[in-house]
C-alpha atoms as a PDB file:
ATOM      1  CA  MET A   1      10.628  -0.359 -13.117  1.00  0.00           C
ATOM      2  CA  ASP A   2      10.071  -2.251 -16.355  1.00  0.00           C
ATOM      3  CA  TYR A   3       6.767  -3.628 -15.144  1.00  0.00           C
ATOM      4  CA  ILE A   4       5.288  -0.707 -13.253  1.00  0.00           C
ATOM      5  CA  ILE A   5       6.184   2.423 -15.210  1.00  0.00           C
ATOM      6  CA  PRO A   6       4.604   1.391 -18.574  1.00  0.00           C
ATOM      7  CA  ALA A   7       1.404   0.516 -16.694  1.00  0.00           C
ATOM      8  CA  TRP A   8       1.572   3.899 -14.951  1.00  0.00           C
ATOM      9  CA  GLY A   9       2.007   5.621 -18.331  1.00  0.00           C
ATOM     10  CA  THR A  10      -1.028   3.794 -19.676  1.00  0.00           C
ATOM     11  CA  LYS A  11      -3.123   4.969 -16.732  1.00  0.00           C
ATOM     12  CA  LYS A  12      -1.773   8.521 -16.976  1.00  0.00           C
ATOM     13  CA  PHE A  13      -2.805   8.766 -20.645  1.00  0.00           C
ATOM     14  CA  GLY A  14      -6.393   7.754 -19.901  1.00  0.00           C
ATOM     15  CA  GLY A  15      -6.140   3.978 -19.941  1.00  0.00           C
ATOM     16  CA  SER A  16      -8.624   1.827 -18.084  1.00  0.00           C
ATOM     17  CA  LYS A  17      -7.890  -1.072 -15.772  1.00  0.00           C
ATOM     18  CA  LYS A  18      -8.048  -3.453 -18.746  1.00  0.00           C
ATOM     19  CA  GLY A  19      -5.496  -1.296 -20.564  1.00  0.00           C
ATOM     20  CA  VAL A  20      -3.124  -1.425 -17.593  1.00  0.00           C
ATOM     21  CA  ILE A  21      -3.511  -5.200 -17.315  1.00  0.00           C
ATOM     22  CA  GLY A  22      -3.013  -5.502 -21.070  1.00  0.00           C
ATOM     23  CA  SER A  23       0.161  -3.437 -20.817  1.00  0.00           C
ATOM     24  CA  ILE A  24       1.607  -5.713 -18.144  1.00  0.00           C
ATOM     25  CA  LEU A  25       0.577  -8.898 -19.956  1.00  0.00           C
ATOM     26  CA  GLY A  26       1.922  -7.506 -23.242  1.00  0.00           C
ATOM     27  CA  LEU A  27       5.262  -6.822 -21.584  1.00  0.00           C
ATOM     28  CA  ILE A  28       5.525 -10.335 -20.176  1.00  0.00           C
ATOM     29  CA  ILE A  29       4.377 -12.075 -23.369  1.00  0.00           C
ATOM     30  CA  GLY A  30       6.509  -9.829 -25.552  1.00  0.00           C
ATOM     31  CA  MET A  31       9.567 -10.431 -23.407  1.00  0.00           C
ATOM     32  CA  ILE A  32       9.128 -14.209 -23.584  1.00  0.00           C
ATOM     33  CA  PHE A  33       8.403 -14.538 -27.309  1.00  0.00           C
ATOM     34  CA  PHE A  34      10.086 -11.550 -28.948  1.00  0.00           C
ATOM     35  CA  GLY A  35      13.021 -10.661 -26.678  1.00  0.00           C
ATOM     36  CA  PRO A  36      14.175  -7.034 -26.580  1.00  0.00           C
ATOM     37  CA  LEU A  37      11.719  -5.925 -29.265  1.00  0.00           C
ATOM     38  CA  GLY A  38       8.893  -7.444 -27.216  1.00  0.00           C
ATOM     39  CA  ILE A  39       9.889  -5.361 -24.204  1.00  0.00           C
ATOM     40  CA  ILE A  40       9.369  -2.228 -26.295  1.00  0.00           C
ATOM     41  CA  LEU A  41       6.317  -3.196 -28.364  1.00  0.00           C
ATOM     42  CA  GLY A  42       4.585  -5.637 -25.995  1.00  0.00           C
ATOM     43  CA  PRO A  43       3.223  -3.070 -23.539  1.00  0.00           C
ATOM     44  CA  PHE A  44       2.026  -0.859 -26.409  1.00  0.00           C
ATOM     45  CA  VAL A  45       0.178  -3.693 -28.146  1.00  0.00           C
ATOM     46  CA  GLY A  46      -1.176  -5.015 -24.847  1.00  0.00           C
ATOM     47  CA  ALA A  47      -2.483  -1.623 -23.769  1.00  0.00           C
ATOM     48  CA  VAL A  48      -4.164  -1.032 -27.126  1.00  0.00           C
ATOM     49  CA  ALA A  49      -5.718  -4.522 -27.066  1.00  0.00           C
ATOM     50  CA  GLY A  50      -6.910  -4.049 -23.480  1.00  0.00           C
ATOM     51  CA  GLU A  51      -8.516  -0.716 -24.292  1.00  0.00           C
ATOM     52  CA  LEU A  52     -10.231  -2.116 -27.389  1.00  0.00           C
ATOM     53  CA  MET A  53     -11.589  -4.998 -25.275  1.00  0.00           C
ATOM     54  CA  ALA A  54     -12.836  -2.431 -22.770  1.00  0.00           C
ATOM     55  CA  GLY A  55     -14.937  -0.918 -25.552  1.00  0.00           C
ATOM     56  CA  LYS A  56     -12.945   2.251 -26.214  1.00  0.00           C
ATOM     57  CA  ASP A  57     -12.522   3.624 -29.705  1.00  0.00           C
ATOM     58  CA  ASN A  58      -9.302   3.382 -31.707  1.00  0.00           C
ATOM     59  CA  SER A  59      -7.987   6.859 -30.838  1.00  0.00           C
ATOM     60  CA  ALA A  60      -8.431   6.340 -27.080  1.00  0.00           C
ATOM     61  CA  ALA A  61      -6.808   2.910 -27.334  1.00  0.00           C
ATOM     62  CA  LEU A  62      -3.841   4.301 -29.279  1.00  0.00           C
ATOM     63  CA  LYS A  63      -3.488   7.128 -26.754  1.00  0.00           C
ATOM     64  CA  ALA A  64      -3.269   4.586 -23.917  1.00  0.00           C
ATOM     65  CA  GLY A  65      -0.759   2.559 -25.953  1.00  0.00           C
ATOM     66  CA  PHE A  66       1.312   5.698 -26.505  1.00  0.00           C
ATOM     67  CA  GLY A  67       1.220   6.274 -22.749  1.00  0.00           C
ATOM     68  CA  SER A  68       2.653   2.812 -22.275  1.00  0.00           C
ATOM     69  CA  PHE A  69       5.480   3.632 -24.696  1.00  0.00           C
ATOM     70  CA  VAL A  70       6.160   6.920 -22.881  1.00  0.00           C
ATOM     71  CA  GLY A  71       6.274   4.928 -19.643  1.00  0.00           C
ATOM     72  CA  PHE A  72       8.836   2.596 -21.207  1.00  0.00           C
ATOM     73  CA  LEU A  73      10.983   5.565 -22.259  1.00  0.00           C
ATOM     74  CA  THR A  74      10.665   7.109 -18.801  1.00  0.00           C
ATOM     75  CA  GLY A  75      11.755   3.867 -17.141  1.00  0.00           C
ATOM     76  CA  THR A  76      14.736   3.607 -19.485  1.00  0.00           C
ATOM     77  CA  LEU A  77      15.752   7.181 -18.715  1.00  0.00           C
ATOM     78  CA  LEU A  78      15.493   6.560 -14.966  1.00  0.00           C
ATOM     79  CA  LYS A  79      17.684   3.459 -15.285  1.00  0.00           C
ATOM     80  CA  LEU A  80      20.278   5.431 -17.251  1.00  0.00           C
ATOM     81  CA  ILE A  81      20.317   8.153 -14.610  1.00  0.00           C
ATOM     82  CA  ALA A  82      20.680   5.604 -11.800  1.00  0.00           C
ATOM     83  CA  SER A  83      23.492   3.826 -13.676  1.00  0.00           C
ATOM     84  CA  GLY A  84      25.277   7.118 -14.298  1.00  0.00           C
ATOM     85  CA  MET A  85      25.066   8.055 -10.632  1.00  0.00           C
ATOM     86  CA  MET A  86      26.429   4.678  -9.564  1.00  0.00           C
ATOM     87  CA  MET A  87      29.261   4.991 -12.057  1.00  0.00           C
ATOM     88  CA  TRP A  88      30.059   8.515 -10.834  1.00  0.00           C
ATOM     89  CA  TYR A  89      30.202   7.360  -7.192  1.00  0.00           C
ATOM     90  CA  PHE A  90      32.323   4.354  -8.152  1.00  0.00           C
ATOM     91  CA  PHE A  91      34.903   6.461  -9.986  1.00  0.00           C
ATOM     92  CA  LYS A  92      34.795   9.112  -7.247  1.00  0.00           C
ATOM     93  CA  GLU A  93      35.785   6.471  -4.665  1.00  0.00           C
ATOM     94  CA  MET A  94      38.553   5.096  -6.885  1.00  0.00           C
ATOM     95  CA  ILE A  95      40.345   8.442  -7.122  1.00  0.00           C
END
């Protein structure tokens, strides 16, 4: 989910193929060099950089970067929901 959903968010907010690739590369590079903060900011920076390289203006690039951040938040929410469901089933079976 961490790799696919930010790229999906970038595409959903009008990002091009370069923005999606930038989002994925930003996530990987951010994760390697900046740890947890890189997982949050890497896709945003990568999507913005990819859109600027694709020739889009600043507002379109920032919109695609925001889509990447929304994708990150969506992925985090989905993981929390899945964890909560697993915890509920675990405690249900214990009782």
